[in-house]
Amino acid sequence: MTQLPHANCFGPKPRSTSAICINGLCHWFGKGPTRKQILFSLDLDVLRGEIIFLMGPSGCGKTTVLTLVGGLRSVQAGSVRTLGVEMAEADEQTMIATRRRIGFIYQAHNLHQSLTVLENVRMGLEVHGPEALADWRKRSAAILAGVGLTRWADAYPAQLSGGQKQRVAIARALVARSPLILADEPTATLDKVTGRQTVNLLHDLAKQQHRTVLMVTHDNRILDLADRILEMEDGRIVNETRQCSPRRETTR
């Protein structure tokens, strides 16, 4: 496989204001005759503080982009710069260090059932070492207040609704003050009202804290909360919509 040129050769140029800069990204799954190309020379520049929604049909490569940006999968060809770090050919230590600067929000919440809400939020600090954990209770309580779950701090996930669990996942992603949030279908299991409230809350907190958000979604009900909407098809970005004035409601 021929390695494609890196960011200084083509595509969008990385800027000091870029949280993510992708140049000529290609990716394949499988080996031999079953090998299939998923991404085709994809270019993308996401500025710090932007909220970007990545949309498209299932199998078009959205989640693959998210995992490559997040250092959860190795870059095969092209360039991915995440928070200024080149992920192409990065060693495992570099990828781990970069992941520690990212907050991840998943569709399935991934909460520990044996831990309280407060303790689940604490998990977002554990990878940052003793210094981050020194005041974990205060920091965790503060972010829970921000997502409106103070009274549920000592509850367990089984006692929460789907929307409340997703709020805990948002709190866990934000508690370490990560500059980049990667979210994969966070409203997929939520009803219309709860889904809207959840992403509205993430939007408000991200804007207040100047966090960058890259979200994969199929949810047409929340599109006005994005700064830009990127539509993917067959491994390529085929359309971009810029929002003139994204709606910024505050949900408590």
C-alpha atoms as a PDB file:
ATOM      1  CA  MET A   1       0.000   0.000   0.000  1.00  0.00           C
ATOM      2  CA  THR A   2       1.365   3.393  -1.027  1.00  0.00           C
ATOM      3  CA  GLN A   3       1.448   5.979   1.736  1.00  0.00           C
ATOM      4  CA  LEU A   4      -0.212   9.201   0.650  1.00  0.00           C
ATOM      5  CA  PRO A   5       1.435  12.623   1.120  1.00  0.00           C
ATOM      6  CA  HIS A   6       0.923  14.394   4.414  1.00  0.00           C
ATOM      7  CA  ALA A   7      -0.675  17.678   5.364  1.00  0.00           C
ATOM      8  CA  ASN A   8       2.055  19.940   4.026  1.00  0.00           C
ATOM      9  CA  CYS A   9       1.491  18.594   0.495  1.00  0.00           C
ATOM     10  CA  PHE A  10      -2.222  19.062  -0.190  1.00  0.00           C
ATOM     11  CA  GLY A  11      -5.662  19.605   1.324  1.00  0.00           C
ATOM     12  CA  PRO A  12      -6.503  22.006   4.169  1.00  0.00           C
ATOM     13  CA  LYS A  13      -3.502  23.440   5.973  1.00  0.00           C
ATOM     14  CA  PRO A  14      -3.305  22.929   9.727  1.00  0.00           C
ATOM     15  CA  ARG A  15      -3.725  26.228  11.577  1.00  0.00           C
ATOM     16  CA  SER A  16      -3.058  27.236  15.138  1.00  0.00           C
ATOM     17  CA  THR A  17      -6.838  27.511  15.459  1.00  0.00           C
ATOM     18  CA  SER A  18      -7.442  23.964  14.163  1.00  0.00           C
ATOM     19  CA  ALA A  19      -8.520  21.267  16.599  1.00  0.00           C
ATOM     20  CA  ILE A  20      -8.655  18.665  13.822  1.00  0.00           C
ATOM     21  CA  CYS A  21      -6.975  18.766  10.417  1.00  0.00           C
ATOM     22  CA  ILE A  22      -7.420  15.801   8.048  1.00  0.00           C
ATOM     23  CA  ASN A  23      -5.658  15.594   4.688  1.00  0.00           C
ATOM     24  CA  GLY A  24      -6.117  12.907   2.040  1.00  0.00           C
ATOM     25  CA  LEU A  25      -7.361  10.327   4.529  1.00  0.00           C
ATOM     26  CA  CYS A  26      -7.965   6.836   3.135  1.00  0.00           C
ATOM     27  CA  HIS A  27      -8.894   3.734   5.076  1.00  0.00           C
ATOM     28  CA  TRP A  28      -9.549   0.074   4.332  1.00  0.00           C
ATOM     29  CA  PHE A  29     -11.112  -2.819   6.228  1.00  0.00           C
ATOM     30  CA  GLY A  30     -10.224  -6.451   5.679  1.00  0.00           C
ATOM     31  CA  LYS A  31      -7.390  -8.168   3.837  1.00  0.00           C
ATOM     32  CA  GLY A  32      -6.852  -9.878   0.519  1.00  0.00           C
ATOM     33  CA  PRO A  33      -9.872 -10.284  -1.781  1.00  0.00           C
ATOM     34  CA  THR A  34     -12.268  -9.075   0.934  1.00  0.00           C
ATOM     35  CA  ARG A  35     -10.391  -5.815   1.479  1.00  0.00           C
ATOM     36  CA  LYS A  36     -12.733  -2.850   1.108  1.00  0.00           C
ATOM     37  CA  GLN A  37     -11.945   0.859   1.003  1.00  0.00           C
ATOM     38  CA  ILE A  38     -14.054   2.873   3.460  1.00  0.00           C
ATOM     39  CA  LEU A  39     -12.595   6.394   3.210  1.00  0.00           C
ATOM     40  CA  PHE A  40     -11.434   8.097   0.003  1.00  0.00           C
ATOM     41  CA  SER A  41      -8.968  11.040   0.151  1.00  0.00           C
ATOM     42  CA  LEU A  42     -11.000  12.813   2.824  1.00  0.00           C
ATOM     43  CA  ASP A  43     -10.084  16.388   3.806  1.00  0.00           C
ATOM     44  CA  LEU A  44     -11.468  18.209   6.855  1.00  0.00           C
ATOM     45  CA  ASP A  45     -10.488  21.175   8.998  1.00  0.00           C
ATOM     46  CA  VAL A  46     -12.294  21.761  12.314  1.00  0.00           C
ATOM     47  CA  LEU A  47     -11.548  24.953  14.207  1.00  0.00           C
ATOM     48  CA  ARG A  48     -11.198  25.095  17.967  1.00  0.00           C
ATOM     49  CA  GLY A  49     -14.554  25.863  19.547  1.00  0.00           C
ATOM     50  CA  GLU A  50     -16.599  24.610  16.595  1.00  0.00           C
ATOM     51  CA  ILE A  51     -19.480  22.169  16.906  1.00  0.00           C
ATOM     52  CA  ILE A  52     -19.562  19.926  13.830  1.00  0.00           C
ATOM     53  CA  PHE A  53     -22.186  17.294  12.996  1.00  0.00           C
ATOM     54  CA  LEU A  54     -21.143  14.461  10.685  1.00  0.00           C
ATOM     55  CA  MET A  55     -24.110  12.865   8.922  1.00  0.00           C
ATOM     56  CA  GLY A  56     -24.757  10.233   6.293  1.00  0.00           C
ATOM     57  CA  PRO A  57     -26.119   6.717   5.754  1.00  0.00           C
ATOM     58  CA  SER A  58     -24.902   3.759   7.788  1.00  0.00           C
ATOM     59  CA  GLY A  59     -21.611   2.389   6.507  1.00  0.00           C
ATOM     60  CA  CYS A  60     -20.454   5.606   4.823  1.00  0.00           C
ATOM     61  CA  GLY A  61     -17.435   5.991   7.144  1.00  0.00           C
ATOM     62  CA  LYS A  62     -18.608   8.458   9.806  1.00  0.00           C
ATOM     63  CA  THR A  63     -17.634   6.413  12.858  1.00  0.00           C
ATOM     64  CA  THR A  64     -14.368   5.400  11.173  1.00  0.00           C
ATOM     65  CA  VAL A  65     -13.451   9.094  10.938  1.00  0.00           C
ATOM     66  CA  LEU A  66     -14.289   9.534  14.620  1.00  0.00           C
ATOM     67  CA  THR A  67     -12.109   6.597  15.694  1.00  0.00           C
ATOM     68  CA  LEU A  68      -9.153   7.772  13.594  1.00  0.00           C
ATOM     69  CA  VAL A  69      -9.370  11.298  14.989  1.00  0.00           C
ATOM     70  CA  GLY A  70      -9.622   9.871  18.503  1.00  0.00           C
ATOM     71  CA  GLY A  71      -6.600   7.597  18.175  1.00  0.00           C
ATOM     72  CA  LEU A  72      -8.742   4.491  18.609  1.00  0.00           C
ATOM     73  CA  ARG A  73      -7.612   3.156  15.226  1.00  0.00           C
ATOM     74  CA  SER A  74      -4.317   3.581  13.360  1.00  0.00           C
ATOM     75  CA  VAL A  75      -4.120   5.861  10.319  1.00  0.00           C
ATOM     76  CA  GLN A  76      -3.318   3.812   7.209  1.00  0.00           C
ATOM     77  CA  ALA A  77      -2.876   6.547   4.596  1.00  0.00           C
ATOM     78  CA  GLY A  78      -3.043  10.326   4.671  1.00  0.00           C
ATOM     79  CA  SER A  79      -2.774  12.680   7.618  1.00  0.00           C
ATOM     80  CA  VAL A  80      -4.821  13.230  10.765  1.00  0.00           C
ATOM     81  CA  ARG A  81      -3.724  15.987  13.125  1.00  0.00           C
ATOM     82  CA  THR A  82      -5.659  15.909  16.384  1.00  0.00           C
ATOM     83  CA  LEU A  83      -5.041  18.816  18.783  1.00  0.00           C
ATOM     84  CA  GLY A  84      -1.809  19.481  16.898  1.00  0.00           C
ATOM     85  CA  VAL A  85      -0.549  15.885  17.085  1.00  0.00           C
ATOM     86  CA  GLU A  86       0.064  13.925  13.878  1.00  0.00           C
ATOM     87  CA  MET A  87      -1.656  10.575  14.288  1.00  0.00           C
ATOM     88  CA  ALA A  88      -0.287   8.988  11.119  1.00  0.00           C
ATOM     89  CA  GLU A  89       2.479   6.578  12.170  1.00  0.00           C
ATOM     90  CA  ALA A  90       2.107   7.728  15.798  1.00  0.00           C
ATOM     91  CA  ASP A  91       3.333   5.193  18.333  1.00  0.00           C
ATOM     92  CA  GLU A  92       1.031   3.758  20.988  1.00  0.00           C
ATOM     93  CA  GLN A  93       2.323   6.099  23.696  1.00  0.00           C
ATOM     94  CA  THR A  94       1.526   9.151  21.556  1.00  0.00           C
ATOM     95  CA  MET A  95      -1.951   7.834  20.773  1.00  0.00           C
ATOM     96  CA  ILE A  96      -2.659   7.179  24.462  1.00  0.00           C
ATOM     97  CA  ALA A  97      -1.462  10.674  25.422  1.00  0.00           C
ATOM     98  CA  THR A  98      -3.724  12.201  22.773  1.00  0.00           C
ATOM     99  CA  ARG A  99      -6.735  10.134  23.862  1.00  0.00           C
ATOM    100  CA  ARG A 100      -6.290  11.504  27.371  1.00  0.00           C
ATOM    101  CA  ARG A 101      -6.998  14.977  25.986  1.00  0.00           C
ATOM    102  CA  ILE A 102     -10.280  13.890  24.392  1.00  0.00           C
ATOM    103  CA  GLY A 103     -13.708  13.363  25.944  1.00  0.00           C
ATOM    104  CA  PHE A 104     -15.637  10.474  24.392  1.00  0.00           C
ATOM    105  CA  ILE A 105     -19.437  10.170  24.433  1.00  0.00           C
ATOM    106  CA  TYR A 106     -20.953   6.936  23.166  1.00  0.00           C
ATOM    107  CA  GLN A 107     -24.466   5.903  22.191  1.00  0.00           C
ATOM    108  CA  ALA A 108     -24.502   3.185  24.864  1.00  0.00           C
ATOM    109  CA  HIS A 109     -23.355   5.481  27.741  1.00  0.00           C
ATOM    110  CA  ASN A 110     -20.792   2.872  28.928  1.00  0.00           C
ATOM    111  CA  LEU A 111     -21.460   3.654  32.580  1.00  0.00           C
ATOM    112  CA  HIS A 112     -20.174   1.327  35.302  1.00  0.00           C
ATOM    113  CA  GLN A 113     -23.262  -0.193  36.888  1.00  0.00           C
ATOM    114  CA  SER A 114     -21.525  -0.799  40.229  1.00  0.00           C
ATOM    115  CA  LEU A 115     -20.472   2.850  40.618  1.00  0.00           C
ATOM    116  CA  THR A 116     -22.571   5.825  41.646  1.00  0.00           C
ATOM    117  CA  VAL A 117     -23.172   8.720  39.273  1.00  0.00           C
ATOM    118  CA  LEU A 118     -20.484  10.760  41.055  1.00  0.00           C
ATOM    119  CA  GLU A 119     -18.015   7.869  40.814  1.00  0.00           C
ATOM    120  CA  ASN A 120     -18.778   7.367  37.118  1.00  0.00           C
ATOM    121  CA  VAL A 121     -17.933  11.009  36.465  1.00  0.00           C
ATOM    122  CA  ARG A 122     -14.718  10.519  38.435  1.00  0.00           C
ATOM    123  CA  MET A 123     -13.664   7.971  35.786  1.00  0.00           C
ATOM    124  CA  GLY A 124     -13.130  10.876  33.420  1.00  0.00           C
ATOM    125  CA  LEU A 125     -10.314  12.096  35.678  1.00  0.00           C
ATOM    126  CA  GLU A 126      -8.559   8.822  36.450  1.00  0.00           C
ATOM    127  CA  VAL A 127      -6.394   8.760  33.312  1.00  0.00           C
ATOM    128  CA  HIS A 128      -4.973  12.161  34.263  1.00  0.00           C
ATOM    129  CA  GLY A 129      -3.184  10.967  37.381  1.00  0.00           C
ATOM    130  CA  PRO A 130      -3.053  11.929  41.068  1.00  0.00           C
ATOM    131  CA  GLU A 131      -3.148  15.687  40.526  1.00  0.00           C
ATOM    132  CA  ALA A 132      -6.471  15.520  38.686  1.00  0.00           C
ATOM    133  CA  LEU A 133      -7.887  13.218  41.348  1.00  0.00           C
ATOM    134  CA  ALA A 134      -6.830  15.424  44.258  1.00  0.00           C
ATOM    135  CA  ASP A 135     -10.096  17.398  44.104  1.00  0.00           C
ATOM    136  CA  TRP A 136     -12.147  14.870  42.109  1.00  0.00           C
ATOM    137  CA  ARG A 137     -15.195  15.114  44.344  1.00  0.00           C
ATOM    138  CA  LYS A 138     -15.432  18.893  43.969  1.00  0.00           C
ATOM    139  CA  ARG A 139     -14.855  18.814  40.205  1.00  0.00           C
ATOM    140  CA  SER A 140     -17.286  15.941  39.660  1.00  0.00           C
ATOM    141  CA  ALA A 141     -19.973  17.620  41.763  1.00  0.00           C
ATOM    142  CA  ALA A 142     -19.515  20.896  39.868  1.00  0.00           C
ATOM    143  CA  ILE A 143     -19.971  19.296  36.443  1.00  0.00           C
ATOM    144  CA  LEU A 144     -22.966  17.289  37.691  1.00  0.00           C
ATOM    145  CA  ALA A 145     -24.529  20.572  38.754  1.00  0.00           C
ATOM    146  CA  GLY A 146     -23.889  21.834  35.240  1.00  0.00           C
ATOM    147  CA  VAL A 147     -25.875  18.965  33.731  1.00  0.00           C
ATOM    148  CA  GLY A 148     -28.628  19.220  36.340  1.00  0.00           C
ATOM    149  CA  LEU A 149     -27.948  15.963  38.173  1.00  0.00           C
ATOM    150  CA  THR A 150     -26.818  17.105  41.618  1.00  0.00           C
ATOM    151  CA  ARG A 151     -29.606  15.235  43.403  1.00  0.00           C
ATOM    152  CA  TRP A 152     -28.672  12.037  41.578  1.00  0.00           C
ATOM    153  CA  ALA A 153     -24.974  12.074  42.554  1.00  0.00           C
ATOM    154  CA  ASP A 154     -25.317   9.047  44.851  1.00  0.00           C
ATOM    155  CA  ALA A 155     -27.680   7.110  42.580  1.00  0.00           C
ATOM    156  CA  TYR A 156     -26.625   4.136  40.435  1.00  0.00           C
ATOM    157  CA  PRO A 157     -27.089   3.944  36.636  1.00  0.00           C
ATOM    158  CA  ALA A 158     -29.939   1.427  36.991  1.00  0.00           C
ATOM    159  CA  GLN A 159     -31.937   4.122  38.768  1.00  0.00           C
ATOM    160  CA  LEU A 160     -31.585   6.640  35.926  1.00  0.00           C
ATOM    161  CA  SER A 161     -33.561   7.281  32.749  1.00  0.00           C
ATOM    162  CA  GLY A 162     -31.867   7.101  29.364  1.00  0.00           C
ATOM    163  CA  GLY A 163     -31.542  10.868  29.180  1.00  0.00           C
ATOM    164  CA  GLN A 164     -30.034  11.057  32.651  1.00  0.00           C
ATOM    165  CA  LYS A 165     -27.477   8.380  31.766  1.00  0.00           C
ATOM    166  CA  GLN A 166     -26.448  10.368  28.701  1.00  0.00           C
ATOM    167  CA  ARG A 167     -26.069  13.476  30.881  1.00  0.00           C
ATOM    168  CA  VAL A 168     -23.711  11.499  33.119  1.00  0.00           C
ATOM    169  CA  ALA A 169     -21.740  10.513  30.001  1.00  0.00           C
ATOM    170  CA  ILE A 170     -21.512  14.195  29.013  1.00  0.00           C
ATOM    171  CA  ALA A 171     -20.351  15.119  32.528  1.00  0.00           C
ATOM    172  CA  ARG A 172     -17.697  12.394  32.409  1.00  0.00           C
ATOM    173  CA  ALA A 173     -16.462  13.665  29.029  1.00  0.00           C
ATOM    174  CA  LEU A 174     -16.257  17.274  30.221  1.00  0.00           C
ATOM    175  CA  VAL A 175     -15.004  16.899  33.795  1.00  0.00           C
ATOM    176  CA  ALA A 176     -11.343  16.760  32.757  1.00  0.00           C
ATOM    177  CA  ARG A 177     -11.824  19.952  30.705  1.00  0.00           C
ATOM    178  CA  SER A 178     -10.860  18.086  27.534  1.00  0.00           C
ATOM    179  CA  PRO A 179     -10.446  20.503  24.603  1.00  0.00           C
ATOM    180  CA  LEU A 180     -12.050  18.040  22.165  1.00  0.00           C
ATOM    181  CA  ILE A 181     -15.280  16.043  22.521  1.00  0.00           C
ATOM    182  CA  LEU A 182     -16.035  13.144  20.146  1.00  0.00           C
ATOM    183  CA  ALA A 183     -19.639  11.939  20.276  1.00  0.00           C
ATOM    184  CA  ASP A 184     -21.020   8.908  18.425  1.00  0.00           C
ATOM    185  CA  GLU A 185     -24.823   8.939  18.004  1.00  0.00           C
ATOM    186  CA  PRO A 186     -25.544  10.292  21.517  1.00  0.00           C
ATOM    187  CA  THR A 187     -29.293  10.653  20.861  1.00  0.00           C
ATOM    188  CA  ALA A 188     -29.868   7.326  19.078  1.00  0.00           C
ATOM    189  CA  THR A 189     -31.673   5.713  22.019  1.00  0.00           C
ATOM    190  CA  LEU A 190     -33.424   8.846  23.277  1.00  0.00           C
ATOM    191  CA  ASP A 191     -36.891  10.212  22.522  1.00  0.00           C
ATOM    192  CA  LYS A 192     -37.332  13.537  20.742  1.00  0.00           C
ATOM    193  CA  VAL A 193     -37.560  15.764  23.814  1.00  0.00           C
ATOM    194  CA  THR A 194     -34.799  14.031  25.798  1.00  0.00           C
ATOM    195  CA  GLY A 195     -32.482  13.888  22.773  1.00  0.00           C
ATOM    196  CA  ARG A 196     -32.949  17.572  22.141  1.00  0.00           C
ATOM    197  CA  GLN A 197     -32.344  18.480  25.774  1.00  0.00           C
ATOM    198  CA  THR A 198     -29.225  16.309  25.920  1.00  0.00           C
ATOM    199  CA  VAL A 199     -27.511  17.790  22.865  1.00  0.00           C
ATOM    200  CA  ASN A 200     -28.673  21.279  23.799  1.00  0.00           C
ATOM    201  CA  LEU A 201     -26.922  20.821  27.134  1.00  0.00           C
ATOM    202  CA  LEU A 202     -23.733  19.562  25.457  1.00  0.00           C
ATOM    203  CA  HIS A 203     -23.864  22.527  23.070  1.00  0.00           C
ATOM    204  CA  ASP A 204     -24.202  25.083  25.866  1.00  0.00           C
ATOM    205  CA  LEU A 205     -21.433  23.604  28.015  1.00  0.00           C
ATOM    206  CA  ALA A 206     -19.087  23.244  25.035  1.00  0.00           C
ATOM    207  CA  LYS A 207     -19.641  26.864  23.996  1.00  0.00           C
ATOM    208  CA  GLN A 208     -19.198  28.140  27.553  1.00  0.00           C
ATOM    209  CA  GLN A 209     -15.931  26.229  27.922  1.00  0.00           C
ATOM    210  CA  HIS A 210     -14.753  26.765  24.298  1.00  0.00           C
ATOM    211  CA  ARG A 211     -14.612  23.017  23.599  1.00  0.00           C
ATOM    212  CA  THR A 212     -14.597  21.536  20.109  1.00  0.00           C
ATOM    213  CA  VAL A 213     -17.271  18.928  19.358  1.00  0.00           C
ATOM    214  CA  LEU A 214     -17.289  16.463  16.454  1.00  0.00           C
ATOM    215  CA  MET A 215     -20.522  14.472  16.564  1.00  0.00           C
ATOM    216  CA  VAL A 216     -21.765  11.624  14.407  1.00  0.00           C
ATOM    217  CA  THR A 217     -25.559  11.727  14.215  1.00  0.00           C
ATOM    218  CA  HIS A 218     -28.599  10.711  12.187  1.00  0.00           C
ATOM    219  CA  ASP A 219     -30.877  12.980  14.225  1.00  0.00           C
ATOM    220  CA  ASN A 220     -32.455  15.668  12.036  1.00  0.00           C
ATOM    221  CA  ARG A 221     -34.132  17.202  15.107  1.00  0.00           C
ATOM    222  CA  ILE A 222     -30.931  18.747  16.480  1.00  0.00           C
ATOM    223  CA  LEU A 223     -29.251  20.121  13.357  1.00  0.00           C
ATOM    224  CA  ASP A 224     -29.722  23.787  14.313  1.00  0.00           C
ATOM    225  CA  LEU A 225     -27.290  23.257  17.220  1.00  0.00           C
ATOM    226  CA  ALA A 226     -24.312  22.720  14.883  1.00  0.00           C
ATOM    227  CA  ASP A 227     -21.973  25.376  13.523  1.00  0.00           C
ATOM    228  CA  ARG A 228     -21.467  23.208  10.440  1.00  0.00           C
ATOM    229  CA  ILE A 229     -23.112  20.059   9.113  1.00  0.00           C
ATOM    230  CA  LEU A 230     -21.006  17.741   6.971  1.00  0.00           C
ATOM    231  CA  GLU A 231     -22.738  15.065   4.909  1.00  0.00           C
ATOM    232  CA  MET A 232     -20.846  11.899   4.010  1.00  0.00           C
ATOM    233  CA  GLU A 233     -21.568   9.371   1.306  1.00  0.00           C
ATOM    234  CA  ASP A 234     -19.461   6.384   0.260  1.00  0.00           C
ATOM    235  CA  GLY A 235     -16.434   7.500   2.266  1.00  0.00           C
ATOM    236  CA  ARG A 236     -16.399  11.099   1.073  1.00  0.00           C
ATOM    237  CA  ILE A 237     -17.714  14.436   2.338  1.00  0.00           C
ATOM    238  CA  VAL A 238     -20.224  15.429  -0.335  1.00  0.00           C
ATOM    239  CA  ASN A 239     -21.879  18.493   1.186  1.00  0.00           C
ATOM    240  CA  GLU A 240     -21.313  21.138   3.858  1.00  0.00           C
ATOM    241  CA  THR A 241     -23.914  23.401   5.440  1.00  0.00           C
ATOM    242  CA  ARG A 242     -22.812  26.359   7.510  1.00  0.00           C
ATOM    243  CA  GLN A 243     -25.251  27.620  10.118  1.00  0.00           C
ATOM    244  CA  CYS A 244     -25.593  31.396  10.184  1.00  0.00           C
ATOM    245  CA  SER A 245     -26.718  31.603  13.790  1.00  0.00           C
ATOM    246  CA  PRO A 246     -27.029  28.268  15.619  1.00  0.00           C
ATOM    247  CA  ARG A 247     -29.774  28.251  18.222  1.00  0.00           C
ATOM    248  CA  ARG A 248     -28.359  28.354  21.740  1.00  0.00           C
ATOM    249  CA  GLU A 249     -30.995  27.533  24.289  1.00  0.00           C
ATOM    250  CA  THR A 250     -30.012  26.799  27.840  1.00  0.00           C
ATOM    251  CA  THR A 251     -31.440  23.618  29.338  1.00  0.00           C
ATOM    252  CA  ARG A 252     -31.452  22.847  33.015  1.00  0.00           C
END
